[in-house]
Protein backbone atom coordinates (compact mmCIF):
# COMPACT_ATOMS: atom_id res chain seq x y z
CA MET A 1 -0.25 0.17 0.15
CA PRO A 2 1.64 3.31 -0.96
CA ASP A 3 2.38 5.84 2.34
CA GLY A 4 -0.42 7.26 3.90
CA HIS A 5 -3.17 4.50 2.69
CA LEU A 6 -4.26 2.48 5.71
CA LEU A 7 -7.14 0.17 6.21
CA PRO A 8 -10.37 2.14 8.26
CA HIS A 9 -9.72 0.26 11.23
CA ALA A 10 -6.09 0.81 11.09
CA GLN A 11 -6.58 4.43 10.27
CA GLN A 12 -9.32 4.82 12.93
CA THR A 13 -6.59 3.20 15.80
CA LEU A 14 -3.71 5.53 14.63
CA VAL A 15 -5.63 8.92 14.52
CA SER A 16 -7.44 8.03 17.76
CA MET A 17 -3.84 6.95 19.30
CA SER A 18 -2.10 10.06 18.08
CA SER A 19 -4.62 12.34 19.34
CA ASP A 20 -4.23 11.13 22.83
CA LEU A 21 -0.12 10.17 22.37
CA PRO A 22 3.21 11.48 20.95
CA PHE A 23 2.89 10.52 17.12
CA GLY A 24 6.34 8.32 17.95
CA ARG A 25 4.53 6.52 20.48
CA ALA A 26 1.39 5.97 18.56
CA VAL A 27 3.07 4.42 15.93
CA LYS A 28 4.90 2.02 18.04
CA HIS A 29 1.75 0.94 19.67
CA LEU A 30 -0.38 0.45 16.35
CA GLU A 31 2.77 -1.92 15.41
CA ARG A 32 2.26 -3.50 18.51
CA THR A 33 -1.39 -3.89 18.38
CA LEU A 34 -2.09 -4.41 14.94
CA GLY A 35 1.10 -5.45 13.24
CA VAL A 36 1.09 -2.49 11.02
CA VAL A 37 4.19 -0.43 10.22
CA VAL A 38 3.93 3.36 9.35
CA HIS A 39 5.93 6.72 9.77
CA ALA A 40 5.06 9.31 12.54
CA SER A 41 5.30 11.86 9.75
CA THR A 42 2.09 9.42 8.21
CA ALA A 43 0.49 9.73 11.94
CA ARG A 44 0.80 13.14 12.04
CA ARG A 45 -1.06 13.90 8.30
CA GLN A 46 -3.45 11.08 8.88
CA THR A 47 -4.38 12.87 12.27
CA PHE A 48 -4.33 16.20 10.61
CA ALA A 49 -6.41 15.54 7.94
CA VAL A 50 -9.04 13.68 9.96
CA GLY A 51 -9.42 16.41 12.11
CA GLN A 52 -9.22 19.05 9.11
CA ARG A 53 -12.34 16.80 8.07
CA MET A 54 -13.97 16.69 11.60
CA LEU A 55 -13.91 20.91 11.43
CA GLU A 56 -15.72 21.29 8.14
CA VAL A 57 -18.39 19.09 9.35
CA GLN A 58 -18.57 21.01 12.65
CA ASN A 59 -18.46 23.99 10.35
CA THR A 60 -21.53 22.85 8.26
CA GLN A 61 -23.64 21.79 10.79
CA ALA A 62 -22.90 25.39 12.52
CA GLN A 63 -24.22 27.11 9.50
CA PRO A 64 -27.99 26.73 9.47
CA LEU A 65 -27.75 28.80 12.78
CA SER A 66 -26.16 31.42 11.25
CA ALA A 67 -28.61 31.57 8.74
CA CYS A 68 -31.58 32.34 11.07
CA PRO A 69 -33.65 35.77 10.54
CA GLU A 70 -33.26 38.08 13.63
CA GLU A 71 -36.54 37.91 15.69
CA HIS A 72 -37.56 41.49 17.17
CA ALA A 73 -38.29 41.89 20.33
CA SER A 74 -42.06 42.55 19.79
CA GLU A 75 -42.25 39.35 18.42
CA ARG A 76 -41.57 37.58 21.23
CA MET A 77 -43.98 36.80 24.28
CA ALA A 78 -43.32 35.34 27.05
CA MET A 79 -45.99 32.52 28.57
CA SER A 80 -45.93 31.29 31.63
CA SER A 81 -48.13 27.39 32.00
CA ASP A 82 -48.53 27.75 35.78
CA GLY A 83 -49.93 31.42 35.67
CA SER A 84 -46.94 33.26 37.54
CA MET A 85 -46.78 35.80 35.17
CA VAL A 86 -50.79 36.58 35.79
CA PRO A 87 -50.89 40.14 37.52
CA ARG A 88 -52.54 40.00 41.04
CA VAL A 89 -55.42 41.92 41.63
CA ARG A 90 -56.85 43.44 44.86
CA ARG A 91 -60.27 41.77 46.03
CA ARG A 92 -62.46 41.47 48.92
CA VAL A 93 -62.09 37.73 50.24
CA GLY A 94 -64.97 36.37 52.48
CA GLY A 95 -67.72 38.32 54.24
CA GLY A 96 -66.73 36.66 58.18
CA GLN A 97 -63.87 37.76 60.91
CA GLY A 98 -60.65 38.31 59.53
CA SER A 99 -61.61 39.28 56.40
CA GLY A 100 -59.41 41.82 54.40
CA ASP A 101 -57.95 42.55 51.19
CA TRP A 102 -56.02 39.55 49.63
């Protein structure tokens, strides 16, 4: 296989290890676990390429949020399901002893 062309499992393992370990140690660990021999520069390139693709996906997913139209304050409405935003009205309660304004 040409330099930098790895099977999906080997690439995933290499990139995962290279994101946590120095590239040289990740390469040694990859050789020990999967028997795949690559150079540290390959690990660096592969990890950088995957990181760039992940960043592009993240930015693409975030763009619809920036395209939302701006909402005017007058179009917003505050609501409360428990009635706590209903103003209190003073009224006479009962007519017996101890009655008063509530």
